[in-house]
C-alpha atoms as a PDB file:
ATOM      1  CA  MET A   1      13.947  49.655  22.302  1.00  0.00           C
ATOM      2  CA  ALA A   2      10.824  47.596  21.587  1.00  0.00           C
ATOM      3  CA  ALA A   3      12.334  46.464  18.289  1.00  0.00           C
ATOM      4  CA  LEU A   4      15.431  45.144  20.076  1.00  0.00           C
ATOM      5  CA  ILE A   5      13.302  43.218  22.560  1.00  0.00           C
ATOM      6  CA  ARG A   6      11.270  41.680  19.759  1.00  0.00           C
ATOM      7  CA  LYS A   7      14.423  40.617  17.919  1.00  0.00           C
ATOM      8  CA  GLY A   8      15.859  39.143  21.108  1.00  0.00           C
ATOM      9  CA  THR A   9      12.786  37.000  21.766  1.00  0.00           C
ATOM     10  CA  TYR A  10      12.740  35.899  18.124  1.00  0.00           C
ATOM     11  CA  PHE A  11      16.347  34.721  18.206  1.00  0.00           C
ATOM     12  CA  GLY A  12      15.821  33.070  21.588  1.00  0.00           C
ATOM     13  CA  ALA A  13      12.887  31.063  20.193  1.00  0.00           C
ATOM     14  CA  ALA A  14      14.928  30.163  17.111  1.00  0.00           C
ATOM     15  CA  GLN A  15      17.778  28.917  19.296  1.00  0.00           C
ATOM     16  CA  ARG A  16      15.413  26.779  21.362  1.00  0.00           C
ATOM     17  CA  GLN A  17      13.878  25.329  18.204  1.00  0.00           C
ATOM     18  CA  TRP A  18      17.327  24.653  16.752  1.00  0.00           C
ATOM     19  CA  ALA A  19      18.353  22.867  19.954  1.00  0.00           C
ATOM     20  CA  ALA A  20      15.234  20.682  19.834  1.00  0.00           C
ATOM     21  CA  THR A  21      15.912  19.855  16.187  1.00  0.00           C
ATOM     22  CA  GLN A  22      19.512  18.917  16.964  1.00  0.00           C
ATOM     23  CA  GLN A  23      18.380  16.691  19.826  1.00  0.00           C
ATOM     24  CA  LEU A  24      15.826  14.961  17.612  1.00  0.00           C
ATOM     25  CA  VAL A  25      18.249  14.400  14.752  1.00  0.00           C
ATOM     26  CA  ARG A  26      21.079  13.261  17.001  1.00  0.00           C
ATOM     27  CA  ASN A  27      19.076  10.579  18.796  1.00  0.00           C
ATOM     28  CA  TYR A  28      16.869   9.269  16.007  1.00  0.00           C
ATOM     29  CA  TRP A  29      19.048   8.880  12.978  1.00  0.00           C
ATOM     30  CA  ASN A  30      18.832   6.119  10.394  1.00  0.00           C
ATOM     31  CA  LYS A  31      22.097   4.564  11.536  1.00  0.00           C
ATOM     32  CA  ASP A  32      20.504   3.842  14.928  1.00  0.00           C
ATOM     33  CA  TRP A  33      17.942   1.537  13.310  1.00  0.00           C
ATOM     34  CA  LYS A  34      20.308  -0.234  10.940  1.00  0.00           C
ATOM     35  CA  PRO A  35      20.403  -3.994  11.589  1.00  0.00           C
ATOM     36  CA  GLY A  36      23.596  -5.531  12.829  1.00  0.00           C
ATOM     37  CA  PRO A  37      25.592  -8.166  10.995  1.00  0.00           C
ATOM     38  CA  ILE A  38      24.273 -11.713  10.721  1.00  0.00           C
ATOM     39  CA  PRO A  39      25.464 -13.688  13.757  1.00  0.00           C
ATOM     40  CA  THR A  40      27.852 -16.508  12.975  1.00  0.00           C
ATOM     41  CA  THR A  41      28.340 -18.006  16.430  1.00  0.00           C
ATOM     42  CA  ARG A  42      25.886 -19.580  18.843  1.00  0.00           C
ATOM     43  CA  GLU A  43      26.482 -16.783  21.372  1.00  0.00           C
ATOM     44  CA  GLY A  44      25.758 -14.170  18.700  1.00  0.00           C
ATOM     45  CA  GLU A  45      22.495 -15.891  17.812  1.00  0.00           C
ATOM     46  CA  GLU A  46      21.488 -16.021  21.490  1.00  0.00           C
ATOM     47  CA  ALA A  47      22.292 -12.318  21.895  1.00  0.00           C
ATOM     48  CA  ALA A  48      20.270 -11.440  18.781  1.00  0.00           C
ATOM     49  CA  ALA A  49      17.353 -13.593  19.976  1.00  0.00           C
ATOM     50  CA  LYS A  50      17.449 -11.803  23.327  1.00  0.00           C
ATOM     51  CA  LYS A  51      17.570  -8.434  21.547  1.00  0.00           C
ATOM     52  CA  PHE A  52      14.350  -9.237  19.652  1.00  0.00           C
ATOM     53  CA  GLY A  53      12.622 -10.942  22.582  1.00  0.00           C
ATOM     54  CA  LEU A  54      12.645 -14.423  21.074  1.00  0.00           C
ATOM     55  CA  HIS A  55      13.644 -17.803  22.410  1.00  0.00           C
ATOM     56  CA  PRO A  56      16.984 -18.916  20.898  1.00  0.00           C
ATOM     57  CA  SER A  57      15.279 -21.910  19.272  1.00  0.00           C
ATOM     58  CA  GLU A  58      12.786 -19.552  17.519  1.00  0.00           C
ATOM     59  CA  TYR A  59      15.462 -17.208  16.177  1.00  0.00           C
ATOM     60  CA  LYS A  60      16.448 -17.633  12.543  1.00  0.00           C
ATOM     61  CA  PRO A  61      17.922 -14.695  10.588  1.00  0.00           C
ATOM     62  CA  TYR A  62      17.184 -13.963   6.957  1.00  0.00           C
ATOM     63  CA  PRO A  63      19.741 -15.392   4.528  1.00  0.00           C
ATOM     64  CA  ASP A  64      22.437 -13.007   3.350  1.00  0.00           C
ATOM     65  CA  ASP A  65      21.181 -12.325  -0.176  1.00  0.00           C
ATOM     66  CA  GLY A  66      22.410  -8.747  -0.389  1.00  0.00           C
ATOM     67  CA  LEU A  67      19.145  -7.037   0.631  1.00  0.00           C
ATOM     68  CA  GLY A  68      20.592  -5.969   3.969  1.00  0.00           C
ATOM     69  CA  PHE A  69      18.192  -7.512   6.490  1.00  0.00           C
ATOM     70  CA  GLY A  70      21.120  -8.394   8.743  1.00  0.00           C
ATOM     71  CA  GLU A  71      20.301  -9.960  12.074  1.00  0.00           C
ATOM     72  CA  TYR A  72      16.560  -9.287  11.854  1.00  0.00           C
ATOM     73  CA  PRO A  73      14.633 -12.503  12.591  1.00  0.00           C
ATOM     74  CA  GLN A  74      12.723 -14.349   9.922  1.00  0.00           C
ATOM     75  CA  LEU A  75       9.271 -14.482  11.491  1.00  0.00           C
ATOM     76  CA  PRO A  76       6.447 -16.777  10.352  1.00  0.00           C
ATOM     77  CA  ASN A  77       3.770 -15.372   8.055  1.00  0.00           C
ATOM     78  CA  VAL A  78       0.780 -14.784  10.336  1.00  0.00           C
ATOM     79  CA  SER A  79      -1.860 -12.321   9.209  1.00  0.00           C
ATOM     80  CA  GLY A  80      -4.010 -10.200  11.489  1.00  0.00           C
ATOM     81  CA  GLU A  81      -7.160 -12.240  10.864  1.00  0.00           C
ATOM     82  CA  ALA A  82      -5.467 -15.419  12.087  1.00  0.00           C
ATOM     83  CA  LYS A  83      -4.663 -13.889  15.507  1.00  0.00           C
ATOM     84  CA  ASP A  84      -7.023 -14.293  18.465  1.00  0.00           C
ATOM     85  CA  PRO A  85      -9.483 -11.357  18.601  1.00  0.00           C
ATOM     86  CA  TYR A  86     -10.214 -11.915  22.320  1.00  0.00           C
ATOM     87  CA  TYR A  87      -6.615 -11.794  23.518  1.00  0.00           C
ATOM     88  CA  PRO A  88      -5.865  -8.604  25.516  1.00  0.00           C
ATOM     89  CA  TRP A  89      -3.449  -7.063  23.004  1.00  0.00           C
ATOM     90  CA  ASP A  90      -1.468  -3.956  23.915  1.00  0.00           C
ATOM     91  CA  PHE A  91      -2.370  -2.531  20.496  1.00  0.00           C
ATOM     92  CA  PRO A  92      -5.700  -4.200  19.645  1.00  0.00           C
ATOM     93  CA  GLU A  93      -6.121  -2.296  16.379  1.00  0.00           C
ATOM     94  CA  HIS A  94      -3.005  -4.050  15.030  1.00  0.00           C
ATOM     95  CA  LYS A  95      -3.249  -7.190  17.191  1.00  0.00           C
ATOM     96  CA  ARG A  96       0.272  -6.926  18.537  1.00  0.00           C
ATOM     97  CA  ASN A  97       1.957  -6.463  21.896  1.00  0.00           C
ATOM     98  CA  PHE A  98       4.526  -3.964  23.051  1.00  0.00           C
ATOM     99  CA  ASN A  99       8.112  -4.919  22.077  1.00  0.00           C
ATOM    100  CA  GLU A 100       6.877  -7.691  19.808  1.00  0.00           C
ATOM    101  CA  PRO A 101       9.074  -7.825  16.694  1.00  0.00           C
ATOM    102  CA  LEU A 102       7.281  -6.881  13.494  1.00  0.00           C
ATOM    103  CA  HIS A 103       7.320  -9.034  10.426  1.00  0.00           C
ATOM    104  CA  LEU A 104       9.429  -7.630   7.613  1.00  0.00           C
ATOM    105  CA  GLN A 105       6.278  -7.170   5.501  1.00  0.00           C
ATOM    106  CA  ALA A 106       4.032  -6.186   8.424  1.00  0.00           C
ATOM    107  CA  ASP A 107       2.203  -3.665   6.273  1.00  0.00           C
ATOM    108  CA  MET A 108       1.055  -6.517   4.029  1.00  0.00           C
ATOM    109  CA  TYR A 109      -0.230  -8.803   6.799  1.00  0.00           C
ATOM    110  CA  GLY A 110      -2.561  -6.397   8.623  1.00  0.00           C
ATOM    111  CA  GLU A 111      -6.160  -7.262   9.406  1.00  0.00           C
ATOM    112  CA  ASP A 112      -7.425  -5.259   6.447  1.00  0.00           C
ATOM    113  CA  ARG A 113      -4.841  -6.688   4.049  1.00  0.00           C
ATOM    114  CA  PHE A 114      -3.808 -10.066   2.652  1.00  0.00           C
ATOM    115  CA  ASP A 115      -4.777 -13.123   4.715  1.00  0.00           C
ATOM    116  CA  VAL A 116      -2.135 -15.846   4.481  1.00  0.00           C
ATOM    117  CA  SER A 117      -4.111 -18.507   6.301  1.00  0.00           C
ATOM    118  CA  SER A 118      -7.271 -18.355   4.200  1.00  0.00           C
ATOM    119  CA  ASN A 119      -8.214 -21.045   1.721  1.00  0.00           C
ATOM    120  CA  PRO A 120     -10.318 -19.597  -1.085  1.00  0.00           C
ATOM    121  CA  PRO A 121     -13.571 -21.507  -1.685  1.00  0.00           C
ATOM    122  CA  ILE A 122     -12.975 -21.544  -5.452  1.00  0.00           C
ATOM    123  CA  ASN A 123      -9.672 -22.731  -6.866  1.00  0.00           C
ATOM    124  CA  LYS A 124      -7.616 -20.573  -9.211  1.00  0.00           C
ATOM    125  CA  TRP A 125      -8.459 -22.505 -12.394  1.00  0.00           C
ATOM    126  CA  ARG A 126     -12.182 -22.106 -11.828  1.00  0.00           C
ATOM    127  CA  GLN A 127     -11.707 -18.406 -11.122  1.00  0.00           C
ATOM    128  CA  LEU A 128      -9.739 -18.026 -14.359  1.00  0.00           C
ATOM    129  CA  GLY A 129     -12.382 -19.977 -16.319  1.00  0.00           C
ATOM    130  CA  THR A 130     -15.210 -17.871 -14.907  1.00  0.00           C
ATOM    131  CA  PHE A 131     -13.343 -14.658 -15.703  1.00  0.00           C
ATOM    132  CA  LEU A 132     -12.621 -15.742 -19.272  1.00  0.00           C
ATOM    133  CA  ALA A 133     -16.234 -16.910 -19.780  1.00  0.00           C
ATOM    134  CA  VAL A 134     -17.607 -13.536 -18.671  1.00  0.00           C
ATOM    135  CA  VAL A 135     -15.147 -11.469 -20.695  1.00  0.00           C
ATOM    136  CA  LEU A 136     -15.381 -13.599 -23.836  1.00  0.00           C
ATOM    137  CA  GLY A 137     -19.177 -13.803 -23.493  1.00  0.00           C
ATOM    138  CA  ALA A 138     -19.438 -10.011 -23.314  1.00  0.00           C
ATOM    139  CA  TRP A 139     -17.116  -9.729 -26.321  1.00  0.00           C
ATOM    140  CA  ALA A 140     -19.235 -12.241 -28.294  1.00  0.00           C
ATOM    141  CA  ILE A 141     -22.451 -10.359 -27.499  1.00  0.00           C
ATOM    142  CA  PHE A 142     -20.814  -7.117 -28.594  1.00  0.00           C
ATOM    143  CA  LYS A 143     -19.503  -8.597 -31.843  1.00  0.00           C
ATOM    144  CA  GLY A 144     -22.765 -10.421 -32.584  1.00  0.00           C
ATOM    145  CA  THR A 145     -24.945  -7.353 -32.145  1.00  0.00           C
ATOM    146  CA  ASN A 146     -22.533  -4.815 -33.594  1.00  0.00           C
ATOM    147  CA  ASN A 147     -24.357  -4.594 -36.956  1.00  0.00           C
ATOM    148  CA  ILE A 148     -27.799  -4.000 -35.375  1.00  0.00           C
ATOM    149  CA  ARG A 149     -28.433  -0.270 -35.172  1.00  0.00           C
ATOM    150  CA  MET A 150     -30.390   0.909 -32.161  1.00  0.00           C
ATOM    151  CA  VAL A 151     -30.819   4.554 -33.180  1.00  0.00           C
ATOM    152  CA  PRO A 152     -33.962   6.419 -34.273  1.00  0.00           C
ATOM    153  CA  PRO A 153     -34.354   6.902 -38.044  1.00  0.00           C
ATOM    154  CA  VAL A 154     -33.290  10.263 -39.425  1.00  0.00           C
ATOM    155  CA  MET A 155     -33.533  11.974 -42.797  1.00  0.00           C
ATOM    156  CA  PRO A 156     -30.401  12.170 -44.893  1.00  0.00           C
ATOM    157  CA  LYS A 157     -28.332  15.268 -44.282  1.00  0.00           C
ATOM    158  CA  GLN A 158     -28.899  18.050 -46.832  1.00  0.00           C
ATOM    159  CA  TYR A 159     -25.752  19.444 -48.367  1.00  0.00           C
ATOM    160  CA  PRO A 160     -25.756  22.625 -50.492  1.00  0.00           C
ATOM    161  CA  GLN A 161     -25.663  21.975 -54.226  1.00  0.00           C
ATOM    162  CA  SER A 162     -25.411  24.344 -57.159  1.00  0.00           C
ATOM    163  CA  GLY A 163     -28.768  25.132 -58.772  1.00  0.00           C
ATOM    164  CA  VAL A 164     -30.868  23.916 -55.820  1.00  0.00           C
ATOM    165  CA  LYS A 165     -32.675  26.401 -53.551  1.00  0.00           C
ATOM    166  CA  HIS A 166     -32.937  25.205 -49.987  1.00  0.00           C
ATOM    167  CA  TYR A 167     -34.340  28.445 -48.608  1.00  0.00           C
ATOM    168  CA  THR A 168     -35.224  31.961 -49.743  1.00  0.00           C
ATOM    169  CA  PHE A 169     -35.218  35.343 -48.092  1.00  0.00           C
ATOM    170  CA  GLU A 170     -38.407  36.533 -49.723  1.00  0.00           C
ATOM    171  CA  SER A 171     -41.460  37.304 -47.629  1.00  0.00           C
ATOM    172  CA  PRO A 172     -44.290  34.812 -47.968  1.00  0.00           C
ATOM    173  CA  GLU A 173     -47.385  36.171 -49.816  1.00  0.00           C
END
């Protein structure tokens, strides 16, 4: 009887878990997050802007180049370091508010990632010149000192030859 009760509770738990899995899969499926088609009319653009919480004048969809971005808005490139650190953000670790649309490459513009608004203090040509000077200088030092041996002197290796005794097994007298 105890075995039947154990099996009954096992199958009851499995049914509850199966029901939770079905509920999760049914409500959060990839098709639910697929972007809609690119709006072609003014009313469609206004509806899409309202959907993403933007003013209709700020809404501009990505061009239809076959990548499938659909109606998702083309947001400006603003990195996390360029945002105000003293603003009371809903998610201060990412400097964003609730229901704020994410940039398409939001993982690239975080505070610990690439900063779009920064101007490097050294231009790219000077960086390239410095890099080449260091690498070529190290190569020149290596090539120039390659023939100088920095090892302690050693005797030549002794190889066995016919007619030459290198050692004997006789006891010393």
